[in-house]
Amino acid sequence: MYNYIIYKKHMTPKQQIEKWFSLQKWRPFFLIFSLGFLLYSQTLIFNLTYLDDNKLLIDQHEVLSNIRSVSQAFSTDAFFAGTNFFYRPLLNLSFIIDAQFGDKNLFFFYHLDNILLHILAVCLLFIFLKKILNKKKLAFFLSLLFLVHPALSQAVAWLPGRNDSLMTIFILASFLSLLNFCSRPRLITLFGYSLFFFLALLTKETAIFLPLLSLLYLFTIGRQDRLINNEKIIVLITSLPAVFTWYLMRNLVVVKENINFTAAIWSALKNLPDALIMSGKMLLPFNLSVLPFHDDSSLFLSLLALILIALALFFSKQKRKDYLIFGAAWFLLFFMPPFATAELVPYFFEHRLYLPLIGFLIILGEIDWIKNLDFKKKIIKFTAILIILFFSFLTWRHSQSFSDYITFWKSAVETSPHSSLANRNLAAMYRKDNQLNLAAKYYHGTLGLNPSESILYNVHNNLGLIYLEWGNFDLAETELKKEINLYPNNYQALYNLGNLYYKENRLSEAAQSWQATLNIEPEYYQAYQRLHNLSK
């Protein structure tokens, strides 16, 4: 011990830094934690964006704050609505745990959990890449890229984005159990593989592709392992109870939807340009948006990224075919499903790149000049640090777009100005803050981009309410009648038109509008009360 203290005293500052970055024992995990926490610490004071987080956290706060609601998380859909087809009980369970810390600084604990989940995912990724690539320093560098990657900001800064980091944790834990089983077949590791796979399914439906990916690994990279073919088939068989249990639980809870595989394939083909745009952000993350929209996204950067990767792989003489197949399969299996779920996908959130990015990192690890990086050389070390710092800066700046609902939707409009959704929701946020001039401006902008938005989202009705509040009854009447002409069953617009007539002392017309409201929605109490008061 005395000799160790003498040695430490005589170490130069350079030697002490090198010792810290020697990646021995706990040091790489400490560095991941320190950098990750420092990078995302600003999110601890963030508020809500009002993109699903208000529905998940504010509307359901009474449920989430009650620890007895744990069973309810498993017996309803993700929005506690009973009419949604997303079954994600572990997401809601994580929210329930966070909500137990009290009402004060509530969002602090939600955001803290998001940061810790991201850090845990990166730690598991480091272990996974170290086992797969068998190069510790390269695995650490790729893990740091994942940690600070700007395209993953949404998974940390946006509270519902934790769904992808949570699923990634269970996917990696399951795969690590599989790797341990391959090196030393034991029942406990096989059980761990099945258990973590089941937990991944309870987090997000995309996890269903893990057994297929596992089987591909066993017959590509895993061919070097000591498993015989019978044991490989056992791995697949152990996945079946998890799938069957999850399927039963899900079918008891969510709305049944018919899957049309032909339509799904056609949808995926139609959305390939959007898929290409999104995938390009993994290498060149400069066209970032909180709400990506096709008309405002750059295909050039994505094509450039694809060409650079293709050229780098073409000139790599040491690339391993099995690793490329496995990395590409990992990327595609976890990346493509969202593009096949609708005929037209208007936007593709960047947090969905979270799990697919791991497959891309495996492919990067097969490029010669990356695989053979000598981190002992100063120029290599300096360049690696520079890339990490540059990505960190982009992430820090992009994360600020999630600080509050006005900032979020302003960023959405700035980066996707042709998105009617972005314009409409920014208008709604300004209306929420009683900034009616700005609200009216962006509602008109919404109609200019997509006039049919009014039918689904009450845009003319909301404009009518703004004009009504300003006392401009003529414009208010015009907008409300436009809403009713487009959507005759909009009882809210009829009710508001009745209020307008009442303010103008057109009492018989007011009564007719309120009665029409009740004809469509008999339980609309406000209209009944208005009619009752008018009769007096």
Protein backbone atom coordinates (compact mmCIF):
# COMPACT_ATOMS: atom_id res chain seq x y z
CA MET A 1 0.00 0.00 0.00
CA TYR A 2 2.88 2.35 0.91
CA ASN A 3 4.57 1.69 -2.44
CA TYR A 4 1.31 2.45 -4.27
CA ILE A 5 1.02 5.84 -2.48
CA ILE A 6 4.66 6.71 -3.34
CA TYR A 7 4.02 5.72 -6.99
CA LYS A 8 0.88 7.82 -7.15
CA LYS A 9 2.67 10.86 -5.76
CA HIS A 10 5.33 10.63 -8.44
CA MET A 11 2.81 10.29 -11.31
CA THR A 12 2.76 13.26 -13.67
CA PRO A 13 -0.60 14.92 -14.47
CA LYS A 14 -0.40 13.35 -17.92
CA GLN A 15 0.08 9.88 -16.41
CA GLN A 16 -2.85 10.42 -14.04
CA ILE A 17 -5.12 11.42 -16.95
CA GLU A 18 -3.96 8.38 -18.93
CA LYS A 19 -4.72 6.19 -15.92
CA TRP A 20 -8.24 7.59 -15.77
CA PHE A 21 -8.76 6.87 -19.45
CA SER A 22 -7.25 3.41 -19.27
CA LEU A 23 -10.84 2.05 -19.15
CA GLN A 24 -10.08 -0.35 -16.33
CA LYS A 25 -12.78 -1.70 -14.00
CA TRP A 26 -15.37 1.00 -13.13
CA ARG A 27 -13.71 3.94 -14.89
CA PRO A 28 -15.50 3.72 -18.29
CA PHE A 29 -18.88 3.62 -16.54
CA PHE A 30 -17.96 6.61 -14.38
CA LEU A 31 -16.92 8.56 -17.49
CA ILE A 32 -20.17 7.65 -19.25
CA PHE A 33 -22.18 8.73 -16.22
CA SER A 34 -20.29 12.01 -15.79
CA LEU A 35 -20.50 13.07 -19.43
CA GLY A 36 -24.11 11.94 -19.85
CA PHE A 37 -25.33 13.68 -16.69
CA LEU A 38 -23.43 16.87 -17.47
CA LEU A 39 -24.73 16.94 -21.04
CA TYR A 40 -28.39 16.51 -20.14
CA SER A 41 -28.41 18.31 -16.77
CA GLN A 42 -30.23 21.27 -18.32
CA THR A 43 -33.29 19.09 -18.94
CA LEU A 44 -33.89 18.80 -15.18
CA ILE A 45 -35.64 22.17 -15.22
CA PHE A 46 -37.58 21.55 -18.45
CA ASN A 47 -41.36 21.65 -18.53
CA LEU A 48 -43.80 19.82 -20.83
CA THR A 49 -43.94 20.08 -24.62
CA TYR A 50 -47.66 19.26 -24.89
CA LEU A 51 -46.90 16.53 -27.40
CA ASP A 52 -48.45 13.51 -25.66
CA ASP A 53 -46.60 14.25 -22.39
CA ASN A 54 -49.54 16.33 -21.15
CA LYS A 55 -51.90 13.40 -21.87
CA LEU A 56 -49.58 10.86 -20.27
CA LEU A 57 -48.54 12.86 -17.20
CA ILE A 58 -50.89 15.77 -16.50
CA ASP A 59 -54.21 14.21 -17.50
CA GLN A 60 -53.28 10.99 -15.69
CA HIS A 61 -51.51 12.51 -12.67
CA GLU A 62 -54.17 11.33 -10.24
CA VAL A 63 -53.71 7.76 -11.47
CA LEU A 64 -49.92 7.93 -11.65
CA SER A 65 -49.51 9.42 -8.17
CA ASN A 66 -51.40 6.50 -6.61
CA ILE A 67 -49.07 3.53 -6.09
CA ARG A 68 -52.12 1.25 -6.19
CA SER A 69 -52.41 2.05 -9.90
CA VAL A 70 -49.61 -0.40 -10.71
CA SER A 71 -52.12 -3.10 -11.63
CA GLN A 72 -54.01 -0.59 -13.78
CA ALA A 73 -50.84 0.04 -15.81
CA PHE A 74 -51.00 -3.60 -16.93
CA SER A 75 -54.74 -3.65 -17.55
CA THR A 76 -55.12 -0.68 -19.90
CA ASP A 77 -53.43 0.94 -22.86
CA ALA A 78 -50.57 3.45 -22.78
CA PHE A 79 -52.93 6.46 -22.40
CA PHE A 80 -55.23 4.84 -19.80
CA ALA A 81 -58.00 5.40 -22.34
CA GLY A 82 -59.12 1.87 -23.13
CA THR A 83 -59.43 2.81 -26.80
CA ASN A 84 -55.76 2.90 -27.86
CA PHE A 85 -53.78 0.05 -29.45
CA PHE A 86 -50.45 0.83 -27.74
CA TYR A 87 -49.84 -1.60 -24.88
CA ARG A 88 -46.83 -0.31 -22.93
CA PRO A 89 -47.33 -1.03 -19.23
CA LEU A 90 -43.67 -0.66 -18.23
CA LEU A 91 -43.61 2.89 -19.57
CA ASN A 92 -46.53 3.78 -17.32
CA LEU A 93 -44.98 1.82 -14.45
CA SER A 94 -41.86 4.00 -14.73
CA PHE A 95 -44.07 7.11 -14.64
CA ILE A 96 -45.89 5.78 -11.57
CA ILE A 97 -42.56 5.29 -9.78
CA ASP A 98 -41.46 8.84 -10.64
CA ALA A 99 -44.81 10.31 -9.55
CA GLN A 100 -44.34 8.94 -6.02
CA PHE A 101 -41.78 11.64 -5.27
CA GLY A 102 -44.53 14.21 -4.78
CA ASP A 103 -46.15 17.12 -6.56
CA LYS A 104 -43.35 19.61 -5.99
CA ASN A 105 -40.71 19.63 -8.71
CA LEU A 106 -42.54 16.68 -10.27
CA PHE A 107 -41.03 17.09 -13.72
CA PHE A 108 -37.53 17.15 -12.17
CA PHE A 109 -37.90 13.49 -11.20
CA TYR A 110 -39.35 12.52 -14.59
CA HIS A 111 -36.42 14.18 -16.36
CA LEU A 112 -33.89 12.75 -13.91
CA ASP A 113 -35.20 9.27 -14.66
CA ASN A 114 -34.88 9.92 -18.40
CA ILE A 115 -31.21 10.86 -17.96
CA LEU A 116 -30.44 7.83 -15.77
CA LEU A 117 -32.18 5.45 -18.19
CA HIS A 118 -30.12 6.84 -21.08
CA ILE A 119 -26.89 6.44 -19.10
CA LEU A 120 -27.80 2.86 -18.14
CA ALA A 121 -28.55 2.05 -21.79
CA VAL A 122 -25.13 3.39 -22.83
CA CYS A 123 -23.36 1.37 -20.11
CA LEU A 124 -25.05 -1.80 -21.35
CA LEU A 125 -24.17 -0.83 -24.92
CA PHE A 126 -20.51 -0.53 -23.96
CA ILE A 127 -20.54 -4.05 -22.48
CA PHE A 128 -22.39 -5.36 -25.55
CA LEU A 129 -20.04 -3.77 -28.10
CA LYS A 130 -17.01 -4.86 -26.11
CA LYS A 131 -18.21 -8.47 -26.32
CA ILE A 132 -19.24 -8.24 -29.99
CA LEU A 133 -16.26 -6.27 -31.36
CA ASN A 134 -13.70 -7.55 -28.84
CA LYS A 135 -12.03 -4.11 -28.82
CA LYS A 136 -12.53 -2.19 -25.59
CA LYS A 137 -11.37 1.27 -26.71
CA LEU A 138 -13.32 1.12 -29.95
CA ALA A 139 -16.41 -0.07 -28.05
CA PHE A 140 -16.01 2.82 -25.61
CA PHE A 141 -15.63 5.40 -28.38
CA LEU A 142 -18.72 4.11 -30.21
CA SER A 143 -20.65 4.09 -26.92
CA LEU A 144 -19.69 7.72 -26.29
CA LEU A 145 -20.93 8.57 -29.80
CA PHE A 146 -24.25 6.98 -28.86
CA LEU A 147 -24.28 8.85 -25.54
CA VAL A 148 -23.88 12.30 -27.11
CA HIS A 149 -25.54 11.70 -30.50
CA PRO A 150 -27.75 14.73 -31.33
CA ALA A 151 -30.44 12.63 -33.06
CA LEU A 152 -31.10 10.84 -29.76
CA SER A 153 -31.78 14.06 -27.83
CA GLN A 154 -35.53 13.50 -28.09
CA ALA A 155 -35.29 10.19 -26.24
CA VAL A 156 -33.90 12.03 -23.20
CA ALA A 157 -35.24 15.60 -23.33
CA TRP A 158 -38.82 14.59 -24.25
CA LEU A 159 -40.39 12.61 -21.41
CA PRO A 160 -42.32 10.01 -23.50
CA GLY A 161 -39.07 9.41 -25.41
CA ARG A 162 -37.89 7.22 -22.54
CA ASN A 163 -39.91 4.40 -24.09
CA ASP A 164 -37.07 3.78 -26.55
CA SER A 165 -34.24 3.96 -23.99
CA LEU A 166 -36.22 1.66 -21.69
CA MET A 167 -36.78 -0.88 -24.48
CA THR A 168 -33.10 -0.66 -25.46
CA ILE A 169 -32.08 -1.49 -21.89
CA PHE A 170 -34.15 -4.69 -21.93
CA ILE A 171 -33.08 -5.62 -25.48
CA LEU A 172 -29.40 -5.25 -24.60
CA ALA A 173 -29.85 -7.09 -21.29
CA SER A 174 -31.58 -9.92 -23.15
CA PHE A 175 -28.87 -10.08 -25.80
CA LEU A 176 -26.10 -10.03 -23.18
CA SER A 177 -27.80 -13.00 -21.52
CA LEU A 178 -27.77 -14.73 -24.90
CA LEU A 179 -24.04 -14.00 -25.32
CA ASN A 180 -23.36 -15.42 -21.86
CA PHE A 181 -25.38 -18.52 -22.77
CA CYS A 182 -23.33 -18.91 -25.96
CA SER A 183 -20.05 -18.82 -24.05
CA ARG A 184 -21.29 -21.01 -21.22
CA PRO A 185 -24.71 -22.67 -21.69
CA ARG A 186 -26.63 -22.45 -18.42
CA LEU A 187 -30.31 -22.44 -17.58
CA ILE A 188 -30.07 -19.15 -15.64
CA THR A 189 -28.70 -17.20 -18.63
CA LEU A 190 -31.34 -18.70 -20.92
CA PHE A 191 -34.01 -17.66 -18.42
CA GLY A 192 -32.50 -14.16 -18.32
CA TYR A 193 -32.71 -13.94 -22.12
CA SER A 194 -36.41 -14.84 -22.09
CA LEU A 195 -37.25 -12.63 -19.10
CA PHE A 196 -35.62 -9.48 -20.48
CA PHE A 197 -37.20 -10.13 -23.87
CA PHE A 198 -40.60 -10.29 -22.17
CA LEU A 199 -39.92 -7.00 -20.38
CA ALA A 200 -38.91 -5.43 -23.71
CA LEU A 201 -42.24 -6.54 -25.21
CA LEU A 202 -44.07 -4.90 -22.30
CA THR A 203 -42.23 -1.69 -23.12
CA LYS A 204 -42.72 -1.42 -26.88
CA GLU A 205 -44.09 -3.66 -29.61
CA THR A 206 -40.99 -3.36 -31.82
CA ALA A 207 -39.17 -5.76 -29.48
CA ILE A 208 -41.02 -8.64 -31.19
CA PHE A 209 -38.15 -8.87 -33.71
CA LEU A 210 -35.52 -9.80 -31.11
CA PRO A 211 -35.85 -13.63 -31.50
CA LEU A 212 -35.35 -13.32 -35.26
CA LEU A 213 -32.27 -11.17 -34.67
CA SER A 214 -30.98 -13.61 -32.06
CA LEU A 215 -31.34 -16.52 -34.45
CA LEU A 216 -29.50 -14.56 -37.14
CA TYR A 217 -26.67 -13.86 -34.69
CA LEU A 218 -26.35 -17.55 -33.81
CA PHE A 219 -25.92 -18.50 -37.46
CA THR A 220 -23.59 -15.60 -38.39
CA ILE A 221 -21.29 -14.10 -35.77
CA GLY A 222 -22.28 -16.75 -33.24
CA ARG A 223 -21.04 -19.58 -35.45
CA GLN A 224 -17.76 -19.32 -33.55
CA ASP A 225 -19.51 -20.16 -30.28
CA ARG A 226 -19.66 -23.67 -28.88
CA LEU A 227 -23.43 -24.04 -29.23
CA ILE A 228 -24.68 -26.95 -31.29
CA ASN A 229 -27.70 -26.51 -33.60
CA ASN A 230 -30.10 -28.07 -31.10
CA GLU A 231 -29.11 -25.52 -28.47
CA LYS A 232 -29.60 -22.71 -30.98
CA ILE A 233 -33.14 -23.88 -31.65
CA ILE A 234 -33.75 -24.00 -27.88
CA VAL A 235 -32.96 -20.27 -27.73
CA LEU A 236 -35.76 -19.61 -30.22
CA ILE A 237 -38.16 -21.93 -28.37
CA THR A 238 -37.56 -20.12 -25.06
CA SER A 239 -38.77 -16.92 -26.73
CA LEU A 240 -42.20 -18.40 -27.42
CA PRO A 241 -43.63 -18.31 -23.85
CA ALA A 242 -42.71 -14.61 -23.62
CA VAL A 243 -44.42 -13.85 -26.94
CA PHE A 244 -47.49 -15.92 -26.08
CA THR A 245 -47.92 -14.32 -22.62
CA TRP A 246 -47.44 -10.82 -24.00
CA TYR A 247 -49.91 -11.49 -26.82
CA LEU A 248 -52.59 -12.69 -24.39
CA MET A 249 -52.08 -9.72 -22.04
CA ARG A 250 -52.18 -7.27 -24.92
CA ASN A 251 -55.29 -8.77 -26.53
CA LEU A 252 -57.19 -8.53 -23.25
CA VAL A 253 -56.53 -4.80 -23.07
CA VAL A 254 -56.09 -2.96 -26.34
CA VAL A 255 -58.32 -2.32 -29.32
CA LYS A 256 -57.99 -5.12 -31.85
CA GLU A 257 -56.53 -3.99 -35.15
CA ASN A 258 -56.42 -5.99 -38.36
CA ILE A 259 -52.94 -6.11 -39.87
CA ASN A 260 -52.96 -5.89 -43.64
CA PHE A 261 -49.48 -7.07 -44.62
CA THR A 262 -49.90 -5.99 -48.24
CA ALA A 263 -50.83 -2.45 -47.13
CA ALA A 264 -47.93 -2.45 -44.64
CA ILE A 265 -45.40 -3.37 -47.33
CA TRP A 266 -46.83 -0.81 -49.72
CA SER A 267 -46.72 1.82 -46.96
CA ALA A 268 -43.06 1.01 -46.23
CA LEU A 269 -42.20 1.36 -49.93
CA LYS A 270 -44.01 4.70 -50.21
CA ASN A 271 -42.19 5.98 -47.14
CA LEU A 272 -38.70 4.94 -48.24
CA PRO A 273 -37.67 8.57 -48.96
CA ASP A 274 -38.59 9.50 -45.39
CA ALA A 275 -36.73 6.44 -44.11
CA LEU A 276 -33.66 7.49 -46.07
CA ILE A 277 -33.88 11.05 -44.71
CA MET A 278 -34.08 9.77 -41.13
CA SER A 279 -31.29 7.23 -41.49
CA GLY A 280 -28.91 9.88 -42.85
CA LYS A 281 -29.11 11.71 -39.52
CA MET A 282 -27.15 8.92 -37.88
CA LEU A 283 -23.96 9.94 -39.70
CA LEU A 284 -24.68 13.63 -40.46
CA PRO A 285 -27.02 14.89 -37.69
CA PHE A 286 -27.44 18.43 -39.02
CA ASN A 287 -31.02 18.40 -40.30
CA LEU A 288 -32.60 17.86 -36.89
CA SER A 289 -36.21 18.69 -36.05
CA VAL A 290 -38.47 18.05 -33.09
CA LEU A 291 -41.21 17.24 -35.63
CA PRO A 292 -39.58 16.13 -38.92
CA PHE A 293 -41.66 16.71 -42.04
CA HIS A 294 -40.87 15.39 -45.51
CA ASP A 295 -41.26 18.69 -47.40
CA ASP A 296 -38.78 20.43 -45.08
CA SER A 297 -36.17 17.68 -44.80
CA SER A 298 -32.95 17.45 -46.78
CA LEU A 299 -32.50 14.32 -48.86
CA PHE A 300 -29.08 15.56 -49.99
CA LEU A 301 -27.42 15.05 -46.59
CA SER A 302 -28.85 11.55 -46.32
CA LEU A 303 -27.64 10.58 -49.80
CA LEU A 304 -24.22 12.01 -48.97
CA ALA A 305 -24.12 9.97 -45.74
CA LEU A 306 -25.13 6.80 -47.62
CA ILE A 307 -22.45 7.36 -50.28
CA LEU A 308 -19.75 7.97 -47.65
CA ILE A 309 -20.62 4.77 -45.79
CA ALA A 310 -20.81 2.74 -49.00
CA LEU A 311 -17.40 4.01 -50.17
CA ALA A 312 -15.81 3.42 -46.77
CA LEU A 313 -17.08 -0.17 -46.70
CA PHE A 314 -16.09 -0.77 -50.32
CA PHE A 315 -12.48 0.16 -49.63
CA SER A 316 -12.34 -1.75 -46.31
CA LYS A 317 -10.38 -4.93 -46.85
CA GLN A 318 -10.83 -6.27 -43.33
CA LYS A 319 -14.61 -6.04 -43.15
CA ARG A 320 -16.39 -9.15 -41.94
CA LYS A 321 -19.48 -10.22 -43.85
CA ASP A 322 -21.21 -11.74 -40.82
CA TYR A 323 -20.89 -8.51 -38.84
CA LEU A 324 -22.23 -6.41 -41.70
CA ILE A 325 -25.24 -8.73 -42.12
CA PHE A 326 -25.95 -8.71 -38.40
CA GLY A 327 -25.55 -4.92 -38.08
CA ALA A 328 -27.76 -4.27 -41.11
CA ALA A 329 -30.42 -6.68 -39.78
CA TRP A 330 -30.36 -5.00 -36.35
CA PHE A 331 -30.82 -1.60 -37.99
CA LEU A 332 -33.59 -2.59 -40.41
CA LEU A 333 -35.64 -4.76 -38.04
CA PHE A 334 -35.89 -2.00 -35.45
CA PHE A 335 -35.98 0.93 -37.88
CA MET A 336 -38.52 0.04 -40.59
CA PRO A 337 -41.69 -1.05 -38.70
CA PRO A 338 -42.99 2.50 -37.98
CA PHE A 339 -42.89 3.24 -41.71
CA ALA A 340 -45.14 0.25 -42.38
CA THR A 341 -47.87 1.12 -39.87
CA ALA A 342 -49.66 3.78 -41.91
CA GLU A 343 -50.28 4.52 -45.54
CA LEU A 344 -48.62 7.89 -45.15
CA VAL A 345 -46.34 8.76 -42.24
CA PRO A 346 -46.38 12.57 -41.92
CA TYR A 347 -43.45 12.67 -39.50
CA PHE A 348 -40.95 10.30 -37.99
CA PHE A 349 -39.69 11.20 -34.54
CA GLU A 350 -35.92 11.11 -34.12
CA HIS A 351 -36.09 9.20 -30.83
CA ARG A 352 -37.05 6.13 -32.89
CA LEU A 353 -33.45 6.06 -34.14
CA TYR A 354 -32.38 5.08 -30.62
CA LEU A 355 -32.32 1.28 -30.92
CA PRO A 356 -31.57 1.07 -34.69
CA LEU A 357 -28.45 3.22 -34.18
CA ILE A 358 -26.77 0.26 -32.43
CA GLY A 359 -26.89 -1.73 -35.67
CA PHE A 360 -25.37 1.24 -37.49
CA LEU A 361 -22.52 1.38 -34.92
CA ILE A 362 -21.78 -2.31 -35.56
CA ILE A 363 -21.51 -1.52 -39.28
CA LEU A 364 -19.21 1.45 -38.52
CA GLY A 365 -17.01 -0.90 -36.53
CA GLU A 366 -16.28 -2.84 -39.73
CA ILE A 367 -14.79 0.15 -41.59
CA ASP A 368 -11.04 -0.37 -41.64
CA TRP A 369 -9.95 3.10 -40.59
CA ILE A 370 -12.40 3.02 -37.66
CA LYS A 371 -11.68 -0.58 -36.68
CA ASN A 372 -7.92 0.05 -36.65
CA LEU A 373 -7.94 3.38 -34.80
CA ASP A 374 -4.88 3.62 -32.56
CA PHE A 375 -6.06 5.69 -29.63
CA LYS A 376 -2.47 5.93 -28.34
CA LYS A 377 -1.69 8.36 -31.17
CA LYS A 378 -2.27 12.00 -30.22
CA ILE A 379 -3.95 12.95 -33.50
CA ILE A 380 -6.43 10.06 -33.19
CA LYS A 381 -7.15 10.85 -29.56
CA PHE A 382 -7.55 14.57 -30.34
CA THR A 383 -9.90 13.89 -33.30
CA ALA A 384 -12.03 11.48 -31.26
CA ILE A 385 -12.39 14.03 -28.44
CA LEU A 386 -13.20 16.76 -30.97
CA ILE A 387 -16.01 14.65 -32.51
CA ILE A 388 -17.46 13.88 -29.07
CA LEU A 389 -17.35 17.56 -28.08
CA PHE A 390 -18.91 18.68 -31.39
CA PHE A 391 -21.75 16.16 -31.08
CA SER A 392 -22.20 17.20 -27.43
CA PHE A 393 -22.57 20.84 -28.50
CA LEU A 394 -25.21 19.91 -31.10
CA THR A 395 -27.05 17.80 -28.52
CA TRP A 396 -26.96 20.54 -25.88
CA ARG A 397 -28.38 23.05 -28.35
CA HIS A 398 -31.01 20.71 -29.84
CA SER A 399 -32.18 19.60 -26.38
CA GLN A 400 -33.16 23.17 -25.55
CA SER A 401 -36.01 22.88 -28.06
CA PHE A 402 -37.80 20.67 -25.51
CA SER A 403 -37.63 23.15 -22.62
CA ASP A 404 -41.32 24.20 -22.73
CA TYR A 405 -44.36 24.00 -25.00
CA ILE A 406 -43.92 27.39 -26.71
CA THR A 407 -40.23 26.76 -27.42
CA PHE A 408 -41.00 23.24 -28.63
CA TRP A 409 -43.72 24.20 -31.12
CA LYS A 410 -41.82 27.29 -32.30
CA SER A 411 -38.90 24.99 -33.06
CA ALA A 412 -41.31 22.63 -34.86
CA VAL A 413 -42.56 25.46 -37.09
CA GLU A 414 -39.04 26.81 -37.72
CA THR A 415 -37.67 23.43 -38.82
CA SER A 416 -40.89 22.17 -40.47
CA PRO A 417 -42.68 25.31 -41.71
CA HIS A 418 -44.83 23.30 -44.15
CA SER A 419 -46.25 21.10 -41.40
CA SER A 420 -49.86 22.05 -40.71
CA LEU A 421 -49.64 20.05 -37.47
CA ALA A 422 -46.75 22.21 -36.22
CA ASN A 423 -48.53 25.45 -37.12
CA ARG A 424 -51.83 24.34 -35.59
CA ASN A 425 -50.30 23.25 -32.31
CA LEU A 426 -48.19 26.41 -32.01
CA ALA A 427 -51.43 28.36 -32.44
CA ALA A 428 -53.03 26.26 -29.69
CA MET A 429 -50.08 26.96 -27.37
CA TYR A 430 -50.29 30.70 -27.99
CA ARG A 431 -54.02 30.52 -27.32
CA LYS A 432 -53.28 28.64 -24.10
CA ASP A 433 -50.97 31.50 -23.08
CA ASN A 434 -53.62 34.05 -24.13
CA GLN A 435 -51.41 35.42 -26.92
CA LEU A 436 -54.40 35.63 -29.23
CA ASN A 437 -52.80 37.68 -32.03
CA LEU A 438 -50.12 35.04 -32.53
CA ALA A 439 -52.68 32.25 -32.14
CA ALA A 440 -54.84 33.71 -34.91
CA LYS A 441 -51.77 34.15 -37.14
CA TYR A 442 -50.77 30.49 -36.91
CA TYR A 443 -54.35 29.21 -37.19
CA HIS A 444 -54.61 31.07 -40.50
CA GLY A 445 -51.22 29.63 -41.44
CA THR A 446 -52.57 26.17 -40.73
CA LEU A 447 -55.54 26.67 -43.04
CA GLY A 448 -53.23 28.02 -45.73
CA LEU A 449 -51.17 24.83 -45.60
CA ASN A 450 -54.05 22.39 -45.27
CA PRO A 451 -57.67 23.62 -45.32
CA SER A 452 -58.94 20.17 -44.32
CA GLU A 453 -57.28 20.59 -40.89
CA SER A 454 -60.41 22.41 -39.79
CA ILE A 455 -62.60 19.34 -40.19
CA LEU A 456 -60.52 17.32 -37.76
CA TYR A 457 -59.15 19.94 -35.41
CA ASN A 458 -61.70 22.77 -35.02
CA VAL A 459 -59.46 25.43 -36.55
CA HIS A 460 -62.36 27.62 -37.76
CA ASN A 461 -64.07 27.07 -34.41
CA ASN A 462 -60.97 28.20 -32.51
CA LEU A 463 -60.61 31.26 -34.73
CA GLY A 464 -64.27 32.03 -34.06
CA LEU A 465 -63.62 31.91 -30.31
CA ILE A 466 -60.68 34.30 -30.66
CA TYR A 467 -62.76 36.79 -32.66
CA LEU A 468 -65.59 36.37 -30.16
CA GLU A 469 -63.21 37.27 -27.33
CA TRP A 470 -62.07 40.33 -29.28
CA GLY A 471 -65.68 41.38 -29.75
CA ASN A 472 -65.51 41.06 -33.53
CA PHE A 473 -68.85 39.28 -33.86
CA ASP A 474 -69.05 39.38 -37.67
CA LEU A 475 -65.73 37.53 -38.16
CA ALA A 476 -66.57 35.18 -35.29
CA GLU A 477 -69.88 34.24 -36.93
CA THR A 478 -68.16 33.73 -40.28
CA GLU A 479 -65.59 31.34 -38.82
CA LEU A 480 -68.08 29.39 -36.72
CA LYS A 481 -70.41 28.92 -39.70
CA LYS A 482 -67.46 27.73 -41.81
CA GLU A 483 -66.76 25.12 -39.15
CA ILE A 484 -70.39 23.97 -39.10
CA ASN A 485 -70.61 23.83 -42.89
CA LEU A 486 -67.51 21.63 -42.99
CA TYR A 487 -68.52 19.53 -40.00
CA PRO A 488 -72.29 19.76 -39.28
CA ASN A 489 -71.99 17.47 -36.24
CA ASN A 490 -69.50 19.72 -34.43
CA TYR A 491 -71.67 20.42 -31.40
CA GLN A 492 -69.00 22.63 -29.81
CA ALA A 493 -69.12 25.03 -32.77
CA LEU A 494 -72.94 25.06 -32.58
CA TYR A 495 -72.76 25.81 -28.86
CA ASN A 496 -70.27 28.64 -29.45
CA LEU A 497 -72.46 30.05 -32.23
CA GLY A 498 -75.35 30.06 -29.75
CA ASN A 499 -73.22 32.05 -27.29
CA LEU A 500 -72.44 34.53 -30.08
CA TYR A 501 -76.13 34.98 -30.88
CA TYR A 502 -76.89 35.46 -27.19
CA LYS A 503 -74.28 38.23 -26.92
CA GLU A 504 -75.93 39.94 -29.91
CA ASN A 505 -79.34 39.52 -28.24
CA ARG A 506 -80.52 37.20 -31.05
CA LEU A 507 -82.21 34.99 -28.50
CA SER A 508 -84.31 32.76 -30.76
CA GLU A 509 -81.27 31.94 -32.92
CA ALA A 510 -79.24 31.26 -29.75
CA ALA A 511 -81.91 28.83 -28.55
CA GLN A 512 -81.92 27.06 -31.91
CA SER A 513 -78.13 26.63 -31.85
CA TRP A 514 -78.12 25.27 -28.29
CA GLN A 515 -80.98 22.91 -29.11
CA ALA A 516 -79.05 21.70 -32.18
CA THR A 517 -76.09 21.10 -29.86
CA LEU A 518 -78.22 18.88 -27.61
CA ASN A 519 -79.67 17.01 -30.59
CA ILE A 520 -76.12 15.91 -31.45
CA GLU A 521 -74.76 15.57 -27.91
CA PRO A 522 -77.66 15.18 -25.40
CA GLU A 523 -75.29 15.14 -22.42
CA TYR A 524 -73.65 18.48 -23.23
CA TYR A 525 -74.54 20.08 -19.89
CA GLN A 526 -73.50 23.65 -20.75
CA ALA A 527 -76.01 23.85 -23.63
CA TYR A 528 -78.78 22.47 -21.43
CA GLN A 529 -78.00 25.01 -18.73
CA ARG A 530 -78.00 27.87 -21.27
CA LEU A 531 -81.41 26.82 -22.60
CA HIS A 532 -82.78 26.47 -19.08
CA ASN A 533 -81.61 29.95 -18.10
CA LEU A 534 -82.97 31.40 -21.35
CA SER A 535 -86.42 29.89 -20.69
CA LYS A 536 -86.56 31.79 -17.40
